[in-house]
Amino acid sequence: MTTRKTAQAEEPKTALNIYQKLHCAKQSMGKVIKNATNPHFKRSYADINSIIETVEPILMDCGLILMQPVIDNKVISRIIDIETGENVESSLELPAILDPQKLLSCITYFRRGTLVSLLSLQAVDDDGETASRAPKAKPTLDADKFSKALKAIQEGRYSIDELKATYNLSKEQEAQL
């Protein structure tokens, strides 16, 4: 009696390295759900729990484990290949903080930052978005409003700099200043 091996059984499995596993994981990761609001800046963000809930199951499915220890005064986000022990990491050094509540808050913030950085997660950079928005076009002044603005400048109630900062002036209007 002879048995036939299937093509699948004949091909040896090649082990993936950590970067190939991270590549597979990254292909499955979507955007992290924003579930918290910063009361000082009135901006929404994904807290550490939301980020971990998004990435950890995917990492684990790919044979990777996430650890975030604090070692030598550094917060470290480390992803380890459980088969080979290979790892990649991102770290931030903690500032000198004596208040335990503030220190734990800083650790949480740094855990979030190092993990987002390590995995290049899609995150909204609210400050960057604001800075990159095209400036609103300044309004123009018709002849009547320009005449009133000139009168206000002559009376000292308005300045030329304020006028230029607020309105888009024509070349003719600028010449009259």
N, C-alpha and C. Protein backbone atom coordinates (compact mmCIF):
# COMPACT_ATOMS: atom_id res chain seq x y z
N MET A 1 0.84 -1.17 0.00
CA MET A 1 0.00 0.00 0.00
C MET A 1 0.89 1.24 0.00
N THR A 2 0.65 2.15 -0.90
CA THR A 2 1.42 3.39 -0.96
C THR A 2 0.53 4.55 -0.60
N THR A 3 1.14 5.54 -0.02
CA THR A 3 0.41 6.74 0.31
C THR A 3 0.98 7.91 -0.46
N ARG A 4 0.14 8.82 -0.80
CA ARG A 4 0.60 10.02 -1.50
C ARG A 4 0.60 11.19 -0.54
N LYS A 5 1.66 11.95 -0.60
CA LYS A 5 1.73 13.17 0.19
C LYS A 5 1.11 14.30 -0.61
N THR A 6 0.38 15.12 0.06
CA THR A 6 -0.18 16.28 -0.63
C THR A 6 0.90 17.32 -0.83
N ALA A 7 0.67 18.19 -1.78
CA ALA A 7 1.66 19.24 -2.04
C ALA A 7 1.89 20.10 -0.80
N GLN A 8 0.84 20.27 -0.03
CA GLN A 8 0.96 21.10 1.17
C GLN A 8 1.90 20.45 2.18
N ALA A 9 1.81 19.15 2.33
CA ALA A 9 2.64 18.46 3.31
C ALA A 9 4.09 18.39 2.86
N GLU A 10 4.33 18.44 1.55
CA GLU A 10 5.70 18.33 1.04
C GLU A 10 6.48 19.62 1.20
N GLU A 11 5.79 20.75 1.17
CA GLU A 11 6.49 22.04 1.25
C GLU A 11 6.81 22.37 2.70
N PRO A 12 8.08 22.60 2.99
CA PRO A 12 8.42 22.98 4.36
C PRO A 12 7.92 24.40 4.64
N LYS A 13 7.44 24.61 5.85
CA LYS A 13 6.99 25.94 6.24
C LYS A 13 8.20 26.80 6.57
N THR A 14 8.21 27.99 6.01
CA THR A 14 9.30 28.91 6.34
C THR A 14 8.81 29.84 7.44
N ALA A 15 9.61 29.98 8.45
CA ALA A 15 9.24 30.82 9.58
C ALA A 15 9.33 32.29 9.17
N LEU A 16 8.38 33.05 9.61
CA LEU A 16 8.39 34.49 9.35
C LEU A 16 9.23 35.18 10.42
N ASN A 17 9.98 36.20 10.01
CA ASN A 17 10.72 36.96 11.01
C ASN A 17 9.79 38.02 11.61
N ILE A 18 10.26 38.73 12.59
CA ILE A 18 9.42 39.69 13.30
C ILE A 18 8.89 40.79 12.38
N TYR A 19 9.69 41.21 11.42
CA TYR A 19 9.25 42.28 10.53
C TYR A 19 8.16 41.81 9.57
N GLN A 20 8.26 40.56 9.14
CA GLN A 20 7.21 39.99 8.30
C GLN A 20 5.91 39.85 9.11
N LYS A 21 6.03 39.46 10.36
CA LYS A 21 4.85 39.34 11.22
C LYS A 21 4.25 40.71 11.51
N LEU A 22 5.09 41.71 11.73
CA LEU A 22 4.59 43.06 11.93
C LEU A 22 3.90 43.58 10.67
N HIS A 23 4.46 43.23 9.53
CA HIS A 23 3.84 43.62 8.26
C HIS A 23 2.44 43.03 8.15
N CYS A 24 2.31 41.76 8.47
CA CYS A 24 1.00 41.10 8.46
C CYS A 24 0.05 41.78 9.44
N ALA A 25 0.53 42.09 10.62
CA ALA A 25 -0.31 42.72 11.64
C ALA A 25 -0.75 44.11 11.17
N LYS A 26 0.17 44.89 10.63
CA LYS A 26 -0.15 46.24 10.20
C LYS A 26 -1.21 46.25 9.10
N GLN A 27 -1.21 45.21 8.26
CA GLN A 27 -2.20 45.15 7.19
C GLN A 27 -3.61 44.96 7.76
N SER A 28 -3.71 44.43 8.96
CA SER A 28 -5.02 44.20 9.58
C SER A 28 -5.46 45.34 10.49
N MET A 29 -4.56 46.24 10.80
CA MET A 29 -4.90 47.32 11.73
C MET A 29 -5.55 48.47 11.00
N GLY A 30 -6.67 48.90 11.54
CA GLY A 30 -7.34 50.08 11.02
C GLY A 30 -7.01 51.26 11.91
N LYS A 31 -7.83 52.27 11.79
CA LYS A 31 -7.66 53.44 12.64
C LYS A 31 -8.12 53.11 14.05
N VAL A 32 -7.47 53.71 15.00
CA VAL A 32 -7.83 53.53 16.40
C VAL A 32 -9.02 54.43 16.70
N ILE A 33 -10.01 53.87 17.39
CA ILE A 33 -11.22 54.62 17.71
C ILE A 33 -10.93 55.65 18.79
N LYS A 34 -11.31 56.87 18.51
CA LYS A 34 -11.16 57.94 19.50
C LYS A 34 -12.29 57.80 20.51
N ASN A 35 -11.94 57.63 21.76
CA ASN A 35 -12.97 57.39 22.78
C ASN A 35 -12.85 58.30 23.98
N ALA A 36 -11.98 59.29 23.92
CA ALA A 36 -11.78 60.17 25.07
C ALA A 36 -11.62 61.61 24.57
N THR A 37 -11.81 62.55 25.49
CA THR A 37 -11.68 63.96 25.15
C THR A 37 -10.75 64.63 26.14
N ASN A 38 -9.82 65.42 25.63
CA ASN A 38 -8.94 66.20 26.48
C ASN A 38 -9.69 67.47 26.85
N PRO A 39 -10.06 67.65 28.13
CA PRO A 39 -10.87 68.81 28.52
C PRO A 39 -10.15 70.15 28.34
N HIS A 40 -8.82 70.14 28.39
CA HIS A 40 -8.07 71.39 28.27
C HIS A 40 -8.05 71.90 26.83
N PHE A 41 -7.92 70.97 25.87
CA PHE A 41 -7.82 71.36 24.47
C PHE A 41 -9.08 71.05 23.67
N LYS A 42 -10.06 70.41 24.33
CA LYS A 42 -11.32 70.04 23.69
C LYS A 42 -11.07 69.27 22.41
N ARG A 43 -10.17 68.33 22.48
CA ARG A 43 -9.83 67.46 21.34
C ARG A 43 -10.10 66.02 21.74
N SER A 44 -10.55 65.23 20.77
CA SER A 44 -10.76 63.82 21.06
C SER A 44 -9.48 63.05 20.72
N TYR A 45 -9.30 61.93 21.39
CA TYR A 45 -8.12 61.11 21.17
C TYR A 45 -8.45 59.67 21.58
N ALA A 46 -7.58 58.76 21.18
CA ALA A 46 -7.72 57.36 21.58
C ALA A 46 -6.90 57.16 22.84
N ASP A 47 -7.54 56.71 23.91
CA ASP A 47 -6.78 56.47 25.13
C ASP A 47 -6.01 55.15 25.02
N ILE A 48 -5.16 54.88 25.98
CA ILE A 48 -4.29 53.70 25.92
C ILE A 48 -5.10 52.41 25.80
N ASN A 49 -6.23 52.32 26.50
CA ASN A 49 -7.04 51.11 26.44
C ASN A 49 -7.62 50.88 25.05
N SER A 50 -8.06 51.94 24.40
CA SER A 50 -8.60 51.82 23.05
C SER A 50 -7.52 51.36 22.08
N ILE A 51 -6.33 51.89 22.23
CA ILE A 51 -5.22 51.50 21.35
C ILE A 51 -4.88 50.03 21.55
N ILE A 52 -4.76 49.61 22.81
CA ILE A 52 -4.42 48.22 23.10
C ILE A 52 -5.52 47.28 22.62
N GLU A 53 -6.79 47.66 22.83
CA GLU A 53 -7.90 46.83 22.35
C GLU A 53 -7.86 46.67 20.84
N THR A 54 -7.36 47.66 20.14
CA THR A 54 -7.27 47.60 18.69
C THR A 54 -6.10 46.74 18.22
N VAL A 55 -4.92 46.92 18.82
CA VAL A 55 -3.72 46.29 18.27
C VAL A 55 -3.37 44.94 18.88
N GLU A 56 -3.64 44.75 20.16
CA GLU A 56 -3.16 43.54 20.83
C GLU A 56 -3.72 42.24 20.24
N PRO A 57 -5.01 42.13 19.97
CA PRO A 57 -5.49 40.87 19.38
C PRO A 57 -4.86 40.57 18.03
N ILE A 58 -4.62 41.60 17.24
CA ILE A 58 -3.99 41.42 15.92
C ILE A 58 -2.54 40.97 16.08
N LEU A 59 -1.82 41.61 17.00
CA LEU A 59 -0.44 41.21 17.26
C LEU A 59 -0.39 39.75 17.71
N MET A 60 -1.28 39.39 18.62
CA MET A 60 -1.28 38.02 19.15
C MET A 60 -1.60 37.01 18.06
N ASP A 61 -2.53 37.35 17.16
CA ASP A 61 -2.85 36.45 16.04
C ASP A 61 -1.64 36.23 15.14
N CYS A 62 -0.72 37.18 15.13
CA CYS A 62 0.48 37.08 14.29
C CYS A 62 1.68 36.51 15.06
N GLY A 63 1.44 36.03 16.27
CA GLY A 63 2.53 35.45 17.06
C GLY A 63 3.40 36.47 17.75
N LEU A 64 2.85 37.64 18.00
CA LEU A 64 3.60 38.71 18.64
C LEU A 64 2.92 39.09 19.96
N ILE A 65 3.73 39.49 20.92
CA ILE A 65 3.18 39.92 22.21
C ILE A 65 3.66 41.33 22.51
N LEU A 66 2.78 42.12 23.09
CA LEU A 66 3.10 43.50 23.46
C LEU A 66 3.40 43.56 24.95
N MET A 67 4.50 44.20 25.29
CA MET A 67 4.83 44.47 26.70
C MET A 67 5.21 45.94 26.80
N GLN A 68 4.84 46.55 27.94
CA GLN A 68 5.16 47.96 28.15
C GLN A 68 5.73 48.19 29.54
N PRO A 69 6.92 47.69 29.78
CA PRO A 69 7.52 47.88 31.10
C PRO A 69 8.14 49.26 31.27
N VAL A 70 8.38 49.61 32.52
CA VAL A 70 9.18 50.79 32.84
C VAL A 70 10.50 50.25 33.36
N ILE A 71 11.57 50.53 32.64
CA ILE A 71 12.90 50.03 32.99
C ILE A 71 13.88 51.20 32.96
N ASP A 72 14.66 51.32 34.02
CA ASP A 72 15.67 52.38 34.10
C ASP A 72 15.09 53.75 33.79
N ASN A 73 13.92 54.04 34.37
CA ASN A 73 13.25 55.33 34.24
C ASN A 73 12.80 55.62 32.80
N LYS A 74 12.59 54.55 32.01
CA LYS A 74 12.10 54.70 30.65
C LYS A 74 10.84 53.88 30.48
N VAL A 75 9.86 54.46 29.79
CA VAL A 75 8.66 53.72 29.41
C VAL A 75 8.99 53.09 28.06
N ILE A 76 8.83 51.77 27.99
CA ILE A 76 9.20 51.04 26.79
C ILE A 76 7.98 50.31 26.24
N SER A 77 7.73 50.48 24.96
CA SER A 77 6.75 49.65 24.27
C SER A 77 7.57 48.65 23.47
N ARG A 78 7.39 47.38 23.77
CA ARG A 78 8.20 46.33 23.15
C ARG A 78 7.27 45.28 22.55
N ILE A 79 7.50 44.94 21.30
CA ILE A 79 6.76 43.88 20.64
C ILE A 79 7.74 42.73 20.44
N ILE A 80 7.35 41.56 20.94
CA ILE A 80 8.24 40.40 20.95
C ILE A 80 7.64 39.28 20.11
N ASP A 81 8.47 38.68 19.26
CA ASP A 81 8.07 37.49 18.51
C ASP A 81 8.16 36.32 19.48
N ILE A 82 7.04 35.67 19.78
CA ILE A 82 7.05 34.62 20.80
C ILE A 82 7.78 33.36 20.35
N GLU A 83 7.99 33.20 19.06
CA GLU A 83 8.72 32.03 18.57
C GLU A 83 10.23 32.21 18.64
N THR A 84 10.70 33.41 18.31
CA THR A 84 12.15 33.62 18.19
C THR A 84 12.74 34.50 19.28
N GLY A 85 11.90 35.26 19.96
CA GLY A 85 12.41 36.19 20.96
C GLY A 85 12.87 37.51 20.37
N GLU A 86 12.83 37.64 19.04
CA GLU A 86 13.18 38.92 18.42
C GLU A 86 12.23 39.99 18.94
N ASN A 87 12.70 41.22 19.01
CA ASN A 87 11.80 42.28 19.46
C ASN A 87 12.15 43.61 18.82
N VAL A 88 11.16 44.47 18.80
CA VAL A 88 11.34 45.86 18.38
C VAL A 88 10.76 46.70 19.50
N GLU A 89 11.30 47.89 19.68
CA GLU A 89 10.80 48.71 20.79
C GLU A 89 10.93 50.19 20.51
N SER A 90 10.17 50.94 21.28
CA SER A 90 10.21 52.39 21.28
C SER A 90 10.20 52.80 22.74
N SER A 91 10.96 53.83 23.10
CA SER A 91 11.00 54.22 24.51
C SER A 91 11.08 55.74 24.66
N LEU A 92 10.64 56.18 25.83
CA LEU A 92 10.75 57.58 26.22
C LEU A 92 11.21 57.63 27.67
N GLU A 93 12.14 58.53 27.95
CA GLU A 93 12.62 58.68 29.32
C GLU A 93 11.65 59.54 30.12
N LEU A 94 11.35 59.08 31.31
CA LEU A 94 10.43 59.80 32.19
C LEU A 94 11.10 61.04 32.78
N PRO A 95 10.35 62.12 32.91
CA PRO A 95 10.89 63.29 33.60
C PRO A 95 10.90 63.04 35.11
N ALA A 96 11.62 63.85 35.84
CA ALA A 96 11.69 63.72 37.30
C ALA A 96 10.39 64.25 37.90
N ILE A 97 9.51 63.34 38.27
CA ILE A 97 8.22 63.70 38.86
C ILE A 97 8.10 62.96 40.19
N LEU A 98 7.84 63.70 41.27
CA LEU A 98 7.73 63.08 42.59
C LEU A 98 6.30 62.71 42.96
N ASP A 99 5.33 63.42 42.42
CA ASP A 99 3.93 63.16 42.72
C ASP A 99 3.51 61.86 42.02
N PRO A 100 3.12 60.82 42.78
CA PRO A 100 2.79 59.52 42.19
C PRO A 100 1.66 59.59 41.16
N GLN A 101 0.64 60.40 41.40
CA GLN A 101 -0.46 60.51 40.45
C GLN A 101 0.02 61.09 39.13
N LYS A 102 0.83 62.13 39.21
CA LYS A 102 1.35 62.76 38.00
C LYS A 102 2.30 61.80 37.27
N LEU A 103 3.08 61.04 38.03
CA LEU A 103 3.99 60.08 37.43
C LEU A 103 3.23 58.99 36.68
N LEU A 104 2.18 58.44 37.31
CA LEU A 104 1.38 57.41 36.64
C LEU A 104 0.68 57.96 35.40
N SER A 105 0.23 59.19 35.48
CA SER A 105 -0.38 59.83 34.33
C SER A 105 0.63 59.96 33.19
N CYS A 106 1.84 60.35 33.53
CA CYS A 106 2.91 60.48 32.55
C CYS A 106 3.25 59.12 31.93
N ILE A 107 3.31 58.09 32.76
CA ILE A 107 3.60 56.75 32.26
C ILE A 107 2.53 56.32 31.26
N THR A 108 1.28 56.54 31.60
CA THR A 108 0.18 56.19 30.69
C THR A 108 0.29 56.95 29.38
N TYR A 109 0.58 58.23 29.48
CA TYR A 109 0.73 59.07 28.29
C TYR A 109 1.90 58.57 27.43
N PHE A 110 3.01 58.22 28.06
CA PHE A 110 4.17 57.73 27.33
C PHE A 110 3.93 56.33 26.75
N ARG A 111 3.17 55.50 27.45
CA ARG A 111 2.81 54.18 26.90
C ARG A 111 2.05 54.37 25.58
N ARG A 112 1.12 55.30 25.62
CA ARG A 112 0.32 55.59 24.43
C ARG A 112 1.22 56.11 23.31
N GLY A 113 2.07 57.06 23.64
CA GLY A 113 2.94 57.66 22.63
C GLY A 113 3.93 56.69 22.02
N THR A 114 4.56 55.86 22.86
CA THR A 114 5.54 54.93 22.32
C THR A 114 4.88 53.85 21.47
N LEU A 115 3.68 53.43 21.85
CA LEU A 115 2.99 52.40 21.08
C LEU A 115 2.52 52.95 19.73
N VAL A 116 1.96 54.14 19.74
CA VAL A 116 1.53 54.78 18.49
C VAL A 116 2.74 54.98 17.57
N SER A 117 3.85 55.40 18.14
CA SER A 117 5.06 55.61 17.37
C SER A 117 5.62 54.30 16.82
N LEU A 118 5.69 53.30 17.67
CA LEU A 118 6.27 52.01 17.27
C LEU A 118 5.51 51.38 16.12
N LEU A 119 4.18 51.45 16.16
CA LEU A 119 3.37 50.82 15.13
C LEU A 119 2.95 51.79 14.02
N SER A 120 3.39 53.03 14.11
CA SER A 120 3.00 54.06 13.14
C SER A 120 1.48 54.06 12.95
N LEU A 121 0.78 54.08 14.06
CA LEU A 121 -0.68 54.04 14.00
C LEU A 121 -1.22 55.35 13.45
N GLN A 122 -2.33 55.23 12.76
CA GLN A 122 -2.98 56.41 12.24
C GLN A 122 -3.59 57.17 13.39
N ALA A 123 -3.17 58.39 13.52
CA ALA A 123 -3.69 59.24 14.58
C ALA A 123 -3.88 60.63 14.01
N VAL A 124 -4.86 61.34 14.51
CA VAL A 124 -5.11 62.69 14.04
C VAL A 124 -4.22 63.64 14.83
N ASP A 125 -3.44 64.40 14.12
CA ASP A 125 -2.59 65.41 14.74
C ASP A 125 -3.36 66.72 14.69
N ASP A 126 -4.15 66.97 15.74
CA ASP A 126 -5.02 68.13 15.73
C ASP A 126 -4.25 69.43 15.53
N ASP A 127 -3.10 69.56 16.19
CA ASP A 127 -2.32 70.79 16.03
C ASP A 127 -1.80 70.90 14.60
N GLY A 128 -1.32 69.78 14.06
CA GLY A 128 -0.80 69.79 12.70
C GLY A 128 -1.88 70.09 11.69
N GLU A 129 -3.07 69.53 11.91
CA GLU A 129 -4.18 69.79 10.99
C GLU A 129 -4.55 71.26 11.01
N THR A 130 -4.60 71.84 12.19
CA THR A 130 -4.94 73.25 12.30
C THR A 130 -3.91 74.10 11.58
N ALA A 131 -2.64 73.77 11.79
CA ALA A 131 -1.57 74.56 11.16
C ALA A 131 -1.56 74.41 9.65
N SER A 132 -1.97 73.24 9.15
CA SER A 132 -1.89 73.00 7.72
C SER A 132 -3.12 73.46 6.95
N ARG A 133 -4.16 73.84 7.65
CA ARG A 133 -5.35 74.32 6.96
C ARG A 133 -5.03 75.60 6.20
N ALA A 134 -5.61 75.73 5.02
CA ALA A 134 -5.39 76.94 4.23
C ALA A 134 -6.01 78.12 4.98
N PRO A 135 -5.30 79.22 5.05
CA PRO A 135 -5.86 80.37 5.75
C PRO A 135 -7.11 80.86 5.02
N LYS A 136 -8.06 81.37 5.78
CA LYS A 136 -9.27 81.91 5.17
C LYS A 136 -8.88 83.17 4.40
N ALA A 137 -9.49 83.31 3.24
CA ALA A 137 -9.23 84.50 2.43
C ALA A 137 -9.79 85.72 3.15
N LYS A 138 -9.03 86.78 3.14
CA LYS A 138 -9.48 88.02 3.77
C LYS A 138 -10.56 88.64 2.88
N PRO A 139 -11.51 89.27 3.50
CA PRO A 139 -12.53 89.95 2.69
C PRO A 139 -11.94 91.19 2.02
N THR A 140 -12.60 91.61 0.97
CA THR A 140 -12.18 92.84 0.28
C THR A 140 -13.07 93.99 0.74
N LEU A 141 -12.67 95.19 0.41
CA LEU A 141 -13.43 96.39 0.79
C LEU A 141 -13.92 97.09 -0.48
N ASP A 142 -15.22 97.39 -0.52
CA ASP A 142 -15.71 98.21 -1.62
C ASP A 142 -15.30 99.66 -1.35
N ALA A 143 -15.55 100.51 -2.32
CA ALA A 143 -15.10 101.92 -2.22
C ALA A 143 -15.66 102.62 -0.99
N ASP A 144 -16.93 102.38 -0.67
CA ASP A 144 -17.55 103.05 0.47
C ASP A 144 -16.91 102.61 1.79
N LYS A 145 -16.73 101.31 1.97
CA LYS A 145 -16.13 100.80 3.21
C LYS A 145 -14.67 101.23 3.32
N PHE A 146 -13.96 101.26 2.19
CA PHE A 146 -12.57 101.69 2.22
C PHE A 146 -12.48 103.16 2.63
N SER A 147 -13.39 103.96 2.14
CA SER A 147 -13.44 105.38 2.49
C SER A 147 -13.67 105.56 3.99
N LYS A 148 -14.58 104.75 4.55
CA LYS A 148 -14.86 104.81 5.99
C LYS A 148 -13.64 104.36 6.79
N ALA A 149 -12.93 103.34 6.28
CA ALA A 149 -11.72 102.86 6.97
C ALA A 149 -10.65 103.94 6.97
N LEU A 150 -10.48 104.65 5.84
CA LEU A 150 -9.50 105.75 5.78
C LEU A 150 -9.84 106.84 6.79
N LYS A 151 -11.12 107.16 6.90
CA LYS A 151 -11.55 108.18 7.85
C LYS A 151 -11.23 107.75 9.29
N ALA A 152 -11.48 106.45 9.61
CA ALA A 152 -11.19 105.92 10.95
C ALA A 152 -9.70 105.96 11.24
N ILE A 153 -8.87 105.73 10.22
CA ILE A 153 -7.41 105.80 10.39
C ILE A 153 -7.00 107.25 10.68
N GLN A 154 -7.56 108.20 9.93
CA GLN A 154 -7.23 109.62 10.12
C GLN A 154 -7.65 110.10 11.51
N GLU A 155 -8.73 109.55 12.04
CA GLU A 155 -9.22 109.95 13.36
C GLU A 155 -8.53 109.17 14.48
N GLY A 156 -7.64 108.23 14.13
CA GLY A 156 -6.90 107.47 15.13
C GLY A 156 -7.67 106.31 15.76
N ARG A 157 -8.81 105.98 15.20
CA ARG A 157 -9.61 104.87 15.74
C ARG A 157 -9.22 103.53 15.11
N TYR A 158 -8.38 103.54 14.12
CA TYR A 158 -8.01 102.35 13.36
C TYR A 158 -6.62 102.57 12.82
N SER A 159 -5.87 101.50 12.61
CA SER A 159 -4.51 101.69 12.07
C SER A 159 -4.38 101.04 10.70
N ILE A 160 -3.39 101.48 9.97
CA ILE A 160 -3.12 100.90 8.66
C ILE A 160 -2.78 99.42 8.81
N ASP A 161 -2.01 99.08 9.85
CA ASP A 161 -1.65 97.68 10.07
C ASP A 161 -2.89 96.81 10.32
N GLU A 162 -3.82 97.33 11.11
CA GLU A 162 -5.07 96.59 11.37
C GLU A 162 -5.85 96.39 10.07
N LEU A 163 -5.89 97.42 9.24
CA LEU A 163 -6.61 97.36 7.98
C LEU A 163 -5.99 96.28 7.07
N LYS A 164 -4.65 96.30 6.95
CA LYS A 164 -3.97 95.32 6.10
C LYS A 164 -4.11 93.90 6.65
N ALA A 165 -4.14 93.76 7.98
CA ALA A 165 -4.26 92.43 8.59
C ALA A 165 -5.67 91.86 8.42
N THR A 166 -6.67 92.73 8.33
CA THR A 166 -8.06 92.30 8.29
C THR A 166 -8.61 92.15 6.88
N TYR A 167 -8.15 92.98 5.95
CA TYR A 167 -8.74 93.00 4.61
C TYR A 167 -7.68 92.78 3.53
N ASN A 168 -8.15 92.22 2.42
CA ASN A 168 -7.32 92.05 1.23
C ASN A 168 -7.51 93.32 0.39
N LEU A 169 -6.49 94.14 0.34
CA LEU A 169 -6.61 95.43 -0.33
C LEU A 169 -6.13 95.34 -1.78
N SER A 170 -6.77 96.12 -2.61
CA SER A 170 -6.34 96.19 -4.01
C SER A 170 -5.08 97.06 -4.08
N LYS A 171 -4.42 97.04 -5.23
CA LYS A 171 -3.20 97.86 -5.41
C LYS A 171 -3.56 99.35 -5.33
N GLU A 172 -4.72 99.69 -5.84
CA GLU A 172 -5.16 101.08 -5.81
C GLU A 172 -5.41 101.53 -4.35
N GLN A 173 -6.04 100.66 -3.57
CA GLN A 173 -6.32 100.99 -2.17
C GLN A 173 -5.00 101.12 -1.39
N GLU A 174 -4.07 100.22 -1.64
CA GLU A 174 -2.76 100.31 -0.95
C GLU A 174 -2.04 101.60 -1.30
N ALA A 175 -2.18 102.02 -2.53
CA ALA A 175 -1.53 103.26 -2.98
C ALA A 175 -2.09 104.48 -2.25
N GLN A 176 -3.34 104.41 -1.87
CA GLN A 176 -3.98 105.52 -1.18
C GLN A 176 -3.58 105.60 0.30
N LEU A 177 -3.00 104.54 0.82
CA LEU A 177 -2.60 104.55 2.21
C LEU A 177 -1.36 105.38 2.37
